[in-house]
């Protein structure tokens, strides 16, 4: 029996591109103080996590991101 490799045209190379993301909790607070002493704050929160059901996917896990921006007038 003689075995020969298949020509490249009959055996295409397949590849998958995977994009990696950082997951974290980020909290930003920016205070503003008026001349009268009133304190106002800009608050920004962003939470990104791995979706548990996708943790063992062949191409890597999926992530989710939530964010909130608010102002607090004192």
C-alpha atoms as a PDB file:
ATOM      1  CA  UNK A   1       0.000   0.000   0.000  1.00  0.00           C
ATOM      2  CA  UNK A   2       1.315   3.445  -0.923  1.00  0.00           C
ATOM      3  CA  UNK A   3       0.115   6.495   1.037  1.00  0.00           C
ATOM      4  CA  UNK A   4       0.453   9.990  -0.366  1.00  0.00           C
ATOM      5  CA  UNK A   5      -0.585  13.249   1.271  1.00  0.00           C
ATOM      6  CA  UNK A   6      -3.617  15.111  -0.070  1.00  0.00           C
ATOM      7  CA  UNK A   7      -2.946  18.223  -2.156  1.00  0.00           C
ATOM      8  CA  UNK A   8      -3.392  21.494  -0.246  1.00  0.00           C
ATOM      9  CA  UNK A   9      -6.426  22.406  -2.371  1.00  0.00           C
ATOM     10  CA  UNK A  10      -8.264  19.341  -1.053  1.00  0.00           C
ATOM     11  CA  UNK A  11      -7.292  19.912   2.577  1.00  0.00           C
ATOM     12  CA  UNK A  12      -7.816  23.613   3.413  1.00  0.00           C
ATOM     13  CA  UNK A  13      -6.315  25.038   6.585  1.00  0.00           C
ATOM     14  CA  UNK A  14      -8.951  26.162   9.072  1.00  0.00           C
ATOM     15  CA  UNK A  15      -8.322  28.579  11.889  1.00  0.00           C
ATOM     16  CA  UNK A  16     -10.297  30.504  14.488  1.00  0.00           C
ATOM     17  CA  UNK A  17      -9.508  33.978  15.786  1.00  0.00           C
ATOM     18  CA  UNK A  18     -10.241  34.503  19.482  1.00  0.00           C
ATOM     19  CA  UNK A  19     -10.330  37.932  21.136  1.00  0.00           C
ATOM     20  CA  UNK A  20      -9.388  37.953  24.833  1.00  0.00           C
ATOM     21  CA  UNK A  21     -10.992  40.477  27.210  1.00  0.00           C
ATOM     22  CA  UNK A  22     -10.096  41.585  30.718  1.00  0.00           C
ATOM     23  CA  UNK A  23     -12.796  41.112  33.333  1.00  0.00           C
ATOM     24  CA  UNK A  24     -12.970  43.395  36.349  1.00  0.00           C
ATOM     25  CA  UNK A  25     -14.920  45.814  38.495  1.00  0.00           C
ATOM     26  CA  UNK A  26     -14.010  49.465  37.971  1.00  0.00           C
ATOM     27  CA  UNK A  27     -15.288  52.333  40.116  1.00  0.00           C
ATOM     28  CA  UNK A  28     -14.518  55.980  39.342  1.00  0.00           C
ATOM     29  CA  UNK A  29     -15.530  58.840  41.643  1.00  0.00           C
ATOM     30  CA  UNK A  30     -14.917  62.483  40.723  1.00  0.00           C
ATOM     31  CA  UNK A  31     -15.785  64.982  43.483  1.00  0.00           C
ATOM     32  CA  UNK A  32     -16.732  68.611  42.798  1.00  0.00           C
ATOM     33  CA  UNK A  33     -16.737  71.171  45.636  1.00  0.00           C
ATOM     34  CA  UNK A  34     -18.547  74.468  45.064  1.00  0.00           C
ATOM     35  CA  UNK A  35     -17.518  77.806  46.567  1.00  0.00           C
ATOM     36  CA  UNK A  36     -20.304  77.389  49.122  1.00  0.00           C
ATOM     37  CA  UNK A  37     -18.904  74.028  50.276  1.00  0.00           C
ATOM     38  CA  UNK A  38     -21.480  71.849  48.535  1.00  0.00           C
ATOM     39  CA  UNK A  39     -20.008  68.511  47.428  1.00  0.00           C
ATOM     40  CA  UNK A  40     -21.226  66.877  44.228  1.00  0.00           C
ATOM     41  CA  UNK A  41     -19.867  63.605  42.848  1.00  0.00           C
ATOM     42  CA  UNK A  42     -19.775  61.977  39.431  1.00  0.00           C
ATOM     43  CA  UNK A  43     -19.865  58.205  39.953  1.00  0.00           C
ATOM     44  CA  UNK A  44     -19.126  55.673  37.222  1.00  0.00           C
ATOM     45  CA  UNK A  45     -19.110  51.889  37.659  1.00  0.00           C
ATOM     46  CA  UNK A  46     -18.318  49.179  35.130  1.00  0.00           C
ATOM     47  CA  UNK A  47     -18.507  45.440  35.865  1.00  0.00           C
ATOM     48  CA  UNK A  48     -17.406  42.778  33.379  1.00  0.00           C
ATOM     49  CA  UNK A  49     -17.594  39.052  34.111  1.00  0.00           C
ATOM     50  CA  UNK A  50     -17.309  35.663  32.456  1.00  0.00           C
ATOM     51  CA  UNK A  51     -20.651  34.035  31.600  1.00  0.00           C
ATOM     52  CA  UNK A  52     -20.431  30.839  33.686  1.00  0.00           C
ATOM     53  CA  UNK A  53     -22.168  28.620  31.103  1.00  0.00           C
ATOM     54  CA  UNK A  54     -19.430  29.469  28.563  1.00  0.00           C
ATOM     55  CA  UNK A  55     -16.395  28.991  30.843  1.00  0.00           C
ATOM     56  CA  UNK A  56     -15.326  25.747  29.148  1.00  0.00           C
ATOM     57  CA  UNK A  57     -16.082  26.631  25.510  1.00  0.00           C
ATOM     58  CA  UNK A  58     -13.507  25.397  23.002  1.00  0.00           C
ATOM     59  CA  UNK A  59     -12.879  28.935  21.725  1.00  0.00           C
ATOM     60  CA  UNK A  60     -12.832  30.509  25.174  1.00  0.00           C
ATOM     61  CA  UNK A  61     -15.497  31.983  27.421  1.00  0.00           C
ATOM     62  CA  UNK A  62     -17.942  34.785  26.606  1.00  0.00           C
ATOM     63  CA  UNK A  63     -18.108  37.890  28.755  1.00  0.00           C
ATOM     64  CA  UNK A  64     -20.754  40.397  29.741  1.00  0.00           C
ATOM     65  CA  UNK A  65     -20.323  44.066  30.656  1.00  0.00           C
ATOM     66  CA  UNK A  66     -22.608  46.374  32.651  1.00  0.00           C
ATOM     67  CA  UNK A  67     -22.031  50.066  33.343  1.00  0.00           C
ATOM     68  CA  UNK A  68     -23.685  52.866  35.313  1.00  0.00           C
ATOM     69  CA  UNK A  69     -23.063  56.621  35.389  1.00  0.00           C
ATOM     70  CA  UNK A  70     -24.717  58.923  37.913  1.00  0.00           C
ATOM     71  CA  UNK A  71     -24.330  62.334  39.565  1.00  0.00           C
ATOM     72  CA  UNK A  72     -24.890  63.027  43.248  1.00  0.00           C
ATOM     73  CA  UNK A  73     -25.735  66.619  44.242  1.00  0.00           C
ATOM     74  CA  UNK A  74     -25.181  67.185  47.945  1.00  0.00           C
END
